[in-house]
Amino acid sequence: MFGKVVGSVLGASIAERSGKSGALGGAAGLVVSRLVRRSPLTALLVGGAWLGHKLYRRNQEREAKAAAATAEPNTPAPPKAPDVPLPPGT
């Protein structure tokens, strides 16, 4: 039962990320569910990798928000004088 849940969650997330109907996600979910059923160690490995990835993404988002909050706003550059030669005698 646990393997089916993990497989469906993984398959749905891959299908969502790729934007396709889910053939790739379904295949990945099937492979993961079989591996999880056969070996509890694989279940721990897959779960740990998934959790580590989630925490890594959350940290990246927090750093991006902090950088955006402390960044100075861009100000436009002053207009540049045109490069027109002056008429003679001025």
PDB file of N, CA and C in Angstrom:
ATOM      1  N   MET A   1       0.827  -1.187   0.000  1.00  0.00           N
ATOM      2  CA  MET A   1       0.000   0.000   0.000  1.00  0.00           C
ATOM      3  C   MET A   1       0.873   1.254   0.000  1.00  0.00           C
ATOM      4  N   PHE A   2       1.917   1.246   0.813  1.00  0.00           N
ATOM      5  CA  PHE A   2       2.806   2.400   0.881  1.00  0.00           C
ATOM      6  C   PHE A   2       3.471   2.649  -0.469  1.00  0.00           C
ATOM      7  N   GLY A   3       3.834   1.572  -1.145  1.00  0.00           N
ATOM      8  CA  GLY A   3       4.481   1.693  -2.448  1.00  0.00           C
ATOM      9  C   GLY A   3       3.569   2.329  -3.478  1.00  0.00           C
ATOM     10  N   LYS A   4       2.285   2.004  -3.436  1.00  0.00           N
ATOM     11  CA  LYS A   4       1.340   2.588  -4.375  1.00  0.00           C
ATOM     12  C   LYS A   4       1.168   4.086  -4.115  1.00  0.00           C
ATOM     13  N   VAL A   5       1.133   4.457  -2.857  1.00  0.00           N
ATOM     14  CA  VAL A   5       1.004   5.875  -2.511  1.00  0.00           C
ATOM     15  C   VAL A   5       2.232   6.647  -2.981  1.00  0.00           C
ATOM     16  N   VAL A   6       3.409   6.118  -2.706  1.00  0.00           N
ATOM     17  CA  VAL A   6       4.642   6.783  -3.123  1.00  0.00           C
ATOM     18  C   VAL A   6       4.710   6.859  -4.642  1.00  0.00           C
ATOM     19  N   GLY A   7       4.357   5.774  -5.304  1.00  0.00           N
ATOM     20  CA  GLY A   7       4.377   5.755  -6.760  1.00  0.00           C
ATOM     21  C   GLY A   7       3.412   6.754  -7.369  1.00  0.00           C
ATOM     22  N   SER A   8       2.228   6.870  -6.810  1.00  0.00           N
ATOM     23  CA  SER A   8       1.253   7.808  -7.360  1.00  0.00           C
ATOM     24  C   SER A   8       1.655   9.253  -7.100  1.00  0.00           C
ATOM     25  N   VAL A   9       2.207   9.531  -5.935  1.00  0.00           N
ATOM     26  CA  VAL A   9       2.657  10.895  -5.641  1.00  0.00           C
ATOM     27  C   VAL A   9       3.815  11.275  -6.550  1.00  0.00           C
ATOM     28  N   LEU A  10       4.765  10.382  -6.704  1.00  0.00           N
ATOM     29  CA  LEU A  10       5.903  10.656  -7.576  1.00  0.00           C
ATOM     30  C   LEU A  10       5.450  10.807  -9.018  1.00  0.00           C
ATOM     31  N   GLY A  11       4.586   9.924  -9.478  1.00  0.00           N
ATOM     32  CA  GLY A  11       4.089  10.006 -10.842  1.00  0.00           C
ATOM     33  C   GLY A  11       3.328  11.291 -11.106  1.00  0.00           C
ATOM     34  N   ALA A  12       2.510  11.707 -10.159  1.00  0.00           N
ATOM     35  CA  ALA A  12       1.744  12.946 -10.331  1.00  0.00           C
ATOM     36  C   ALA A  12       2.660  14.159 -10.352  1.00  0.00           C
ATOM     37  N   SER A  13       3.693  14.156  -9.527  1.00  0.00           N
ATOM     38  CA  SER A  13       4.586  15.321  -9.511  1.00  0.00           C
ATOM     39  C   SER A  13       5.415  15.390 -10.790  1.00  0.00           C
ATOM     40  N   ILE A  14       5.843  14.254 -11.319  1.00  0.00           N
ATOM     41  CA  ILE A  14       6.591  14.268 -12.578  1.00  0.00           C
ATOM     42  C   ILE A  14       5.686  14.707 -13.721  1.00  0.00           C
ATOM     43  N   ALA A  15       4.463  14.205 -13.761  1.00  0.00           N
ATOM     44  CA  ALA A  15       3.529  14.595 -14.814  1.00  0.00           C
ATOM     45  C   ALA A  15       3.195  16.078 -14.738  1.00  0.00           C
ATOM     46  N   GLU A  16       3.040  16.599 -13.531  1.00  0.00           N
ATOM     47  CA  GLU A  16       2.732  18.023 -13.361  1.00  0.00           C
ATOM     48  C   GLU A  16       3.889  18.888 -13.819  1.00  0.00           C
ATOM     49  N   ARG A  17       5.099  18.480 -13.464  1.00  0.00           N
ATOM     50  CA  ARG A  17       6.278  19.261 -13.807  1.00  0.00           C
ATOM     51  C   ARG A  17       6.542  19.252 -15.311  1.00  0.00           C
ATOM     52  N   SER A  18       6.307  18.110 -15.957  1.00  0.00           N
ATOM     53  CA  SER A  18       6.587  18.023 -17.390  1.00  0.00           C
ATOM     54  C   SER A  18       5.457  18.613 -18.219  1.00  0.00           C
ATOM     55  N   GLY A  19       4.267  18.719 -17.672  1.00  0.00           N
ATOM     56  CA  GLY A  19       3.148  19.303 -18.388  1.00  0.00           C
ATOM     57  C   GLY A  19       2.541  18.353 -19.398  1.00  0.00           C
ATOM     58  N   LYS A  20       2.867  17.091 -19.330  1.00  0.00           N
ATOM     59  CA  LYS A  20       2.332  16.117 -20.273  1.00  0.00           C
ATOM     60  C   LYS A  20       1.261  15.281 -19.595  1.00  0.00           C
ATOM     61  N   SER A  21       0.697  14.360 -20.342  1.00  0.00           N
ATOM     62  CA  SER A  21      -0.443  13.604 -19.831  1.00  0.00           C
ATOM     63  C   SER A  21      -0.107  12.707 -18.659  1.00  0.00           C
ATOM     64  N   GLY A  22       1.117  12.310 -18.531  1.00  0.00           N
ATOM     65  CA  GLY A  22       1.495  11.530 -17.372  1.00  0.00           C
ATOM     66  C   GLY A  22       2.063  10.164 -17.685  1.00  0.00           C
ATOM     67  N   ALA A  23       2.394   9.878 -18.947  1.00  0.00           N
ATOM     68  CA  ALA A  23       2.970   8.574 -19.275  1.00  0.00           C
ATOM     69  C   ALA A  23       4.322   8.396 -18.582  1.00  0.00           C
ATOM     70  N   LEU A  24       5.127   9.442 -18.605  1.00  0.00           N
ATOM     71  CA  LEU A  24       6.422   9.388 -17.936  1.00  0.00           C
ATOM     72  C   LEU A  24       6.233   9.267 -16.421  1.00  0.00           C
ATOM     73  N   GLY A  25       5.315  10.034 -15.881  1.00  0.00           N
ATOM     74  CA  GLY A  25       5.043   9.971 -14.451  1.00  0.00           C
ATOM     75  C   GLY A  25       4.486   8.623 -14.036  1.00  0.00           C
ATOM     76  N   GLY A  26       3.628   8.056 -14.875  1.00  0.00           N
ATOM     77  CA  GLY A  26       3.075   6.741 -14.576  1.00  0.00           C
ATOM     78  C   GLY A  26       4.142   5.664 -14.579  1.00  0.00           C
ATOM     79  N   ALA A  27       5.040   5.740 -15.559  1.00  0.00           N
ATOM     80  CA  ALA A  27       6.127   4.762 -15.624  1.00  0.00           C
ATOM     81  C   ALA A  27       7.059   4.900 -14.426  1.00  0.00           C
ATOM     82  N   ALA A  28       7.397   6.140 -14.078  1.00  0.00           N
ATOM     83  CA  ALA A  28       8.267   6.361 -12.919  1.00  0.00           C
ATOM     84  C   ALA A  28       7.587   5.893 -11.641  1.00  0.00           C
ATOM     85  N   GLY A  29       6.303   6.150 -11.518  1.00  0.00           N
ATOM     86  CA  GLY A  29       5.558   5.701 -10.351  1.00  0.00           C
ATOM     87  C   GLY A  29       5.509   4.193 -10.247  1.00  0.00           C
ATOM     88  N   LEU A  30       5.369   3.520 -11.391  1.00  0.00           N
ATOM     89  CA  LEU A  30       5.348   2.069 -11.398  1.00  0.00           C
ATOM     90  C   LEU A  30       6.687   1.493 -10.956  1.00  0.00           C
ATOM     91  N   VAL A  31       7.768   2.050 -11.485  1.00  0.00           N
ATOM     92  CA  VAL A  31       9.100   1.575 -11.120  1.00  0.00           C
ATOM     93  C   VAL A  31       9.369   1.798  -9.639  1.00  0.00           C
ATOM     94  N   VAL A  32       9.062   2.984  -9.155  1.00  0.00           N
ATOM     95  CA  VAL A  32       9.311   3.287  -7.746  1.00  0.00           C
ATOM     96  C   VAL A  32       8.458   2.411  -6.834  1.00  0.00           C
ATOM     97  N   SER A  33       7.206   2.201  -7.202  1.00  0.00           N
ATOM     98  CA  SER A  33       6.345   1.379  -6.340  1.00  0.00           C
ATOM     99  C   SER A  33       6.865  -0.058  -6.261  1.00  0.00           C
ATOM    100  N   ARG A  34       7.373  -0.583  -7.355  1.00  0.00           N
ATOM    101  CA  ARG A  34       7.930  -1.942  -7.315  1.00  0.00           C
ATOM    102  C   ARG A  34       9.196  -1.990  -6.469  1.00  0.00           C
ATOM    103  N   LEU A  35      10.041  -0.967  -6.604  1.00  0.00           N
ATOM    104  CA  LEU A  35      11.263  -0.948  -5.806  1.00  0.00           C
ATOM    105  C   LEU A  35      10.959  -0.805  -4.316  1.00  0.00           C
ATOM    106  N   VAL A  36       9.978   0.019  -4.003  1.00  0.00           N
ATOM    107  CA  VAL A  36       9.625   0.242  -2.596  1.00  0.00           C
ATOM    108  C   VAL A  36       9.042  -1.030  -1.992  1.00  0.00           C
ATOM    109  N   ARG A  37       8.246  -1.763  -2.751  1.00  0.00           N
ATOM    110  CA  ARG A  37       7.664  -3.000  -2.229  1.00  0.00           C
ATOM    111  C   ARG A  37       8.713  -4.073  -1.984  1.00  0.00           C
ATOM    112  N   ARG A  38       9.742  -4.083  -2.790  1.00  0.00           N
ATOM    113  CA  ARG A  38      10.738  -5.143  -2.673  1.00  0.00           C
ATOM    114  C   ARG A  38      11.768  -4.879  -1.581  1.00  0.00           C
ATOM    115  N   SER A  39      12.019  -3.614  -1.282  1.00  0.00           N
ATOM    116  CA  SER A  39      13.087  -3.325  -0.338  1.00  0.00           C
ATOM    117  C   SER A  39      12.735  -2.128   0.549  1.00  0.00           C
ATOM    118  N   PRO A  40      12.666  -2.331   1.845  1.00  0.00           N
ATOM    119  CA  PRO A  40      12.426  -1.205   2.747  1.00  0.00           C
ATOM    120  C   PRO A  40      13.561  -0.179   2.700  1.00  0.00           C
ATOM    121  N   LEU A  41      14.765  -0.646   2.427  1.00  0.00           N
ATOM    122  CA  LEU A  41      15.894   0.273   2.314  1.00  0.00           C
ATOM    123  C   LEU A  41      15.687   1.233   1.143  1.00  0.00           C
ATOM    124  N   THR A  42      15.163   0.720   0.045  1.00  0.00           N
ATOM    125  CA  THR A  42      14.871   1.580  -1.105  1.00  0.00           C
ATOM    126  C   THR A  42      13.782   2.582  -0.747  1.00  0.00           C
ATOM    127  N   ALA A  43      12.809   2.160   0.041  1.00  0.00           N
ATOM    128  CA  ALA A  43      11.757   3.081   0.474  1.00  0.00           C
ATOM    129  C   ALA A  43      12.355   4.225   1.288  1.00  0.00           C
ATOM    130  N   LEU A  44      13.284   3.893   2.164  1.00  0.00           N
ATOM    131  CA  LEU A  44      13.942   4.940   2.952  1.00  0.00           C
ATOM    132  C   LEU A  44      14.774   5.854   2.058  1.00  0.00           C
ATOM    133  N   LEU A  45      15.445   5.271   1.091  1.00  0.00           N
ATOM    134  CA  LEU A  45      16.268   6.059   0.183  1.00  0.00           C
ATOM    135  C   LEU A  45      15.416   7.010  -0.659  1.00  0.00           C
ATOM    136  N   VAL A  46      14.339   6.492  -1.214  1.00  0.00           N
ATOM    137  CA  VAL A  46      13.457   7.326  -2.044  1.00  0.00           C
ATOM    138  C   VAL A  46      12.802   8.412  -1.190  1.00  0.00           C
ATOM    139  N   GLY A  47      12.325   8.038  -0.017  1.00  0.00           N
ATOM    140  CA  GLY A  47      11.702   9.029   0.871  1.00  0.00           C
ATOM    141  C   GLY A  47      12.684  10.084   1.331  1.00  0.00           C
ATOM    142  N   GLY A  48      13.892   9.672   1.644  1.00  0.00           N
ATOM    143  CA  GLY A  48      14.909  10.636   2.067  1.00  0.00           C
ATOM    144  C   GLY A  48      15.313  11.575   0.946  1.00  0.00           C
ATOM    145  N   ALA A  49      15.426  11.033  -0.267  1.00  0.00           N
ATOM    146  CA  ALA A  49      15.770  11.880  -1.414  1.00  0.00           C
ATOM    147  C   ALA A  49      14.655  12.881  -1.687  1.00  0.00           C
ATOM    148  N   TRP A  50      13.414  12.430  -1.593  1.00  0.00           N
ATOM    149  CA  TRP A  50      12.282  13.316  -1.834  1.00  0.00           C
ATOM    150  C   TRP A  50      12.233  14.418  -0.776  1.00  0.00           C
ATOM    151  N   LEU A  51      12.410  14.031   0.490  1.00  0.00           N
ATOM    152  CA  LEU A  51      12.386  15.009   1.570  1.00  0.00           C
ATOM    153  C   LEU A  51      13.548  15.996   1.449  1.00  0.00           C
ATOM    154  N   GLY A  52      14.725  15.491   1.120  1.00  0.00           N
ATOM    155  CA  GLY A  52      15.877  16.368   0.936  1.00  0.00           C
ATOM    156  C   GLY A  52      15.661  17.361  -0.192  1.00  0.00           C
ATOM    157  N   HIS A  53      15.052  16.905  -1.271  1.00  0.00           N
ATOM    158  CA  HIS A  53      14.772  17.800  -2.392  1.00  0.00           C
ATOM    159  C   HIS A  53      13.768  18.879  -1.997  1.00  0.00           C
ATOM    160  N   LYS A  54      12.746  18.484  -1.270  1.00  0.00           N
ATOM    161  CA  LYS A  54      11.753  19.462  -0.809  1.00  0.00           C
ATOM    162  C   LYS A  54      12.393  20.523   0.087  1.00  0.00           C
ATOM    163  N   LEU A  55      13.238  20.087   1.007  1.00  0.00           N
ATOM    164  CA  LEU A  55      13.899  21.035   1.905  1.00  0.00           C
ATOM    165  C   LEU A  55      14.856  21.943   1.147  1.00  0.00           C
ATOM    166  N   TYR A  56      15.553  21.380   0.159  1.00  0.00           N
ATOM    167  CA  TYR A  56      16.461  22.183  -0.663  1.00  0.00           C
ATOM    168  C   TYR A  56      15.690  23.250  -1.431  1.00  0.00           C
ATOM    169  N   ARG A  57      14.560  22.875  -2.033  1.00  0.00           N
ATOM    170  CA  ARG A  57      13.741  23.848  -2.772  1.00  0.00           C
ATOM    171  C   ARG A  57      13.202  24.937  -1.840  1.00  0.00           C
ATOM    172  N   ARG A  58      12.763  24.545  -0.655  1.00  0.00           N
ATOM    173  CA  ARG A  58      12.235  25.522   0.290  1.00  0.00           C
ATOM    174  C   ARG A  58      13.321  26.517   0.694  1.00  0.00           C
ATOM    175  N   ASN A  59      14.545  26.022   0.900  1.00  0.00           N
ATOM    176  CA  ASN A  59      15.654  26.896   1.255  1.00  0.00           C
ATOM    177  C   ASN A  59      15.973  27.855   0.109  1.00  0.00           C
ATOM    178  N   GLN A  60      15.941  27.370  -1.126  1.00  0.00           N
ATOM    179  CA  GLN A  60      16.214  28.224  -2.279  1.00  0.00           C
ATOM    180  C   GLN A  60      15.169  29.336  -2.378  1.00  0.00           C
ATOM    181  N   GLU A  61      13.900  29.001  -2.144  1.00  0.00           N
ATOM    182  CA  GLU A  61      12.834  30.002  -2.195  1.00  0.00           C
ATOM    183  C   GLU A  61      13.011  31.049  -1.095  1.00  0.00           C
ATOM    184  N   ARG A  62      13.382  30.610   0.095  1.00  0.00           N
ATOM    185  CA  ARG A  62      13.589  31.558   1.194  1.00  0.00           C
ATOM    186  C   ARG A  62      14.752  32.495   0.898  1.00  0.00           C
ATOM    187  N   GLU A  63      15.828  31.963   0.352  1.00  0.00           N
ATOM    188  CA  GLU A  63      16.970  32.810  -0.002  1.00  0.00           C
ATOM    189  C   GLU A  63      16.611  33.807  -1.091  1.00  0.00           C
ATOM    190  N   ALA A  64      15.813  33.387  -2.060  1.00  0.00           N
ATOM    191  CA  ALA A  64      15.406  34.290  -3.130  1.00  0.00           C
ATOM    192  C   ALA A  64      14.517  35.411  -2.586  1.00  0.00           C
ATOM    193  N   LYS A  65      13.605  35.065  -1.683  1.00  0.00           N
ATOM    194  CA  LYS A  65      12.740  36.088  -1.083  1.00  0.00           C
ATOM    195  C   LYS A  65      13.553  37.071  -0.248  1.00  0.00           C
ATOM    196  N   ALA A  66      14.534  36.552   0.494  1.00  0.00           N
ATOM    197  CA  ALA A  66      15.371  37.428   1.323  1.00  0.00           C
ATOM    198  C   ALA A  66      16.207  38.351   0.442  1.00  0.00           C
ATOM    199  N   ALA A  67      16.731  37.841  -0.649  1.00  0.00           N
ATOM    200  CA  ALA A  67      17.526  38.666  -1.557  1.00  0.00           C
ATOM    201  C   ALA A  67      16.658  39.728  -2.219  1.00  0.00           C
ATOM    202  N   ALA A  68      15.432  39.374  -2.565  1.00  0.00           N
ATOM    203  CA  ALA A  68      14.531  40.339  -3.187  1.00  0.00           C
ATOM    204  C   ALA A  68      14.115  41.429  -2.194  1.00  0.00           C
ATOM    205  N   ALA A  69      13.987  41.053  -0.927  1.00  0.00           N
ATOM    206  CA  ALA A  69      13.566  42.026   0.078  1.00  0.00           C
ATOM    207  C   ALA A  69      14.677  43.027   0.389  1.00  0.00           C
ATOM    208  N   THR A  70      15.926  42.600   0.302  1.00  0.00           N
ATOM    209  CA  THR A  70      17.037  43.485   0.640  1.00  0.00           C
ATOM    210  C   THR A  70      17.626  44.196  -0.569  1.00  0.00           C
ATOM    211  N   ALA A  71      17.185  43.844  -1.760  1.00  0.00           N
ATOM    212  CA  ALA A  71      17.738  44.460  -2.972  1.00  0.00           C
ATOM    213  C   ALA A  71      17.235  45.890  -3.118  1.00  0.00           C
ATOM    214  N   GLU A  72      18.099  46.727  -3.652  1.00  0.00           N
ATOM    215  CA  GLU A  72      17.696  48.104  -3.910  1.00  0.00           C
ATOM    216  C   GLU A  72      16.924  48.162  -5.219  1.00  0.00           C
ATOM    217  N   PRO A  73      15.912  49.020  -5.278  1.00  0.00           N
ATOM    218  CA  PRO A  73      15.154  49.110  -6.519  1.00  0.00           C
ATOM    219  C   PRO A  73      16.007  49.743  -7.628  1.00  0.00           C
ATOM    220  N   ASN A  74      15.770  49.308  -8.832  1.00  0.00           N
ATOM    221  CA  ASN A  74      16.484  49.864  -9.967  1.00  0.00           C
ATOM    222  C   ASN A  74      15.945  51.244 -10.282  1.00  0.00           C
ATOM    223  N   THR A  75      16.844  52.185 -10.503  1.00  0.00           N
ATOM    224  CA  THR A  75      16.426  53.522 -10.915  1.00  0.00           C
ATOM    225  C   THR A  75      16.887  53.726 -12.348  1.00  0.00           C
ATOM    226  N   PRO A  76      16.078  54.369 -13.152  1.00  0.00           N
ATOM    227  CA  PRO A  76      16.475  54.557 -14.540  1.00  0.00           C
ATOM    228  C   PRO A  76      17.663  55.512 -14.638  1.00  0.00           C
ATOM    229  N   ALA A  77      18.492  55.305 -15.628  1.00  0.00           N
ATOM    230  CA  ALA A  77      19.646  56.166 -15.846  1.00  0.00           C
ATOM    231  C   ALA A  77      19.162  57.518 -16.375  1.00  0.00           C
ATOM    232  N   PRO A  78      19.890  58.603 -16.064  1.00  0.00           N
ATOM    233  CA  PRO A  78      19.478  59.903 -16.587  1.00  0.00           C
ATOM    234  C   PRO A  78      19.599  59.908 -18.116  1.00  0.00           C
ATOM    235  N   PRO A  79      18.772  60.701 -18.770  1.00  0.00           N
ATOM    236  CA  PRO A  79      18.819  60.722 -20.228  1.00  0.00           C
ATOM    237  C   PRO A  79      20.176  61.227 -20.721  1.00  0.00           C
ATOM    238  N   LYS A  80      20.611  60.643 -21.787  1.00  0.00           N
ATOM    239  CA  LYS A  80      21.907  60.980 -22.358  1.00  0.00           C
ATOM    240  C   LYS A  80      21.722  62.092 -23.377  1.00  0.00           C
ATOM    241  N   ALA A  81      22.669  63.029 -23.388  1.00  0.00           N
ATOM    242  CA  ALA A  81      22.597  64.126 -24.357  1.00  0.00           C
ATOM    243  C   ALA A  81      22.841  63.562 -25.748  1.00  0.00           C
ATOM    244  N   PRO A  82      22.127  64.084 -26.746  1.00  0.00           N
ATOM    245  CA  PRO A  82      22.307  63.553 -28.109  1.00  0.00           C
ATOM    246  C   PRO A  82      23.711  63.907 -28.638  1.00  0.00           C
ATOM    247  N   ASP A  83      24.239  63.062 -29.458  1.00  0.00           N
ATOM    248  CA  ASP A  83      25.558  63.279 -30.048  1.00  0.00           C
ATOM    249  C   ASP A  83      25.420  64.047 -31.368  1.00  0.00           C
ATOM    250  N   VAL A  84      24.939  65.252 -31.262  1.00  0.00           N
ATOM    251  CA  VAL A  84      24.772  66.098 -32.445  1.00  0.00           C
ATOM    252  C   VAL A  84      25.883  67.125 -32.432  1.00  0.00           C
ATOM    253  N   PRO A  85      26.629  67.244 -33.534  1.00  0.00           N
ATOM    254  CA  PRO A  85      27.687  68.246 -33.555  1.00  0.00           C
ATOM    255  C   PRO A  85      27.110  69.672 -33.535  1.00  0.00           C
ATOM    256  N   LEU A  86      27.796  70.538 -32.870  1.00  0.00           N
ATOM    257  CA  LEU A  86      27.350  71.933 -32.802  1.00  0.00           C
ATOM    258  C   LEU A  86      27.690  72.627 -34.126  1.00  0.00           C
ATOM    259  N   PRO A  87      26.824  73.539 -34.540  1.00  0.00           N
ATOM    260  CA  PRO A  87      27.140  74.272 -35.774  1.00  0.00           C
ATOM    261  C   PRO A  87      28.370  75.145 -35.586  1.00  0.00           C
ATOM    262  N   PRO A  88      29.129  75.394 -36.642  1.00  0.00           N
ATOM    263  CA  PRO A  88      30.315  76.221 -36.499  1.00  0.00           C
ATOM    264  C   PRO A  88      29.980  77.627 -36.075  1.00  0.00           C
ATOM    265  N   GLY A  89      30.814  78.207 -35.266  1.00  0.00           N
ATOM    266  CA  GLY A  89      30.635  79.566 -34.801  1.00  0.00           C
ATOM    267  C   GLY A  89      29.838  79.685 -33.524  1.00  0.00           C
ATOM    268  N   THR A  90      29.503  78.626 -32.885  1.00  0.00           N
ATOM    269  CA  THR A  90      28.731  78.766 -31.634  1.00  0.00           C
ATOM    270  C   THR A  90      29.583  78.513 -30.447  1.00  0.00           C
TER     271      THR A  90
END
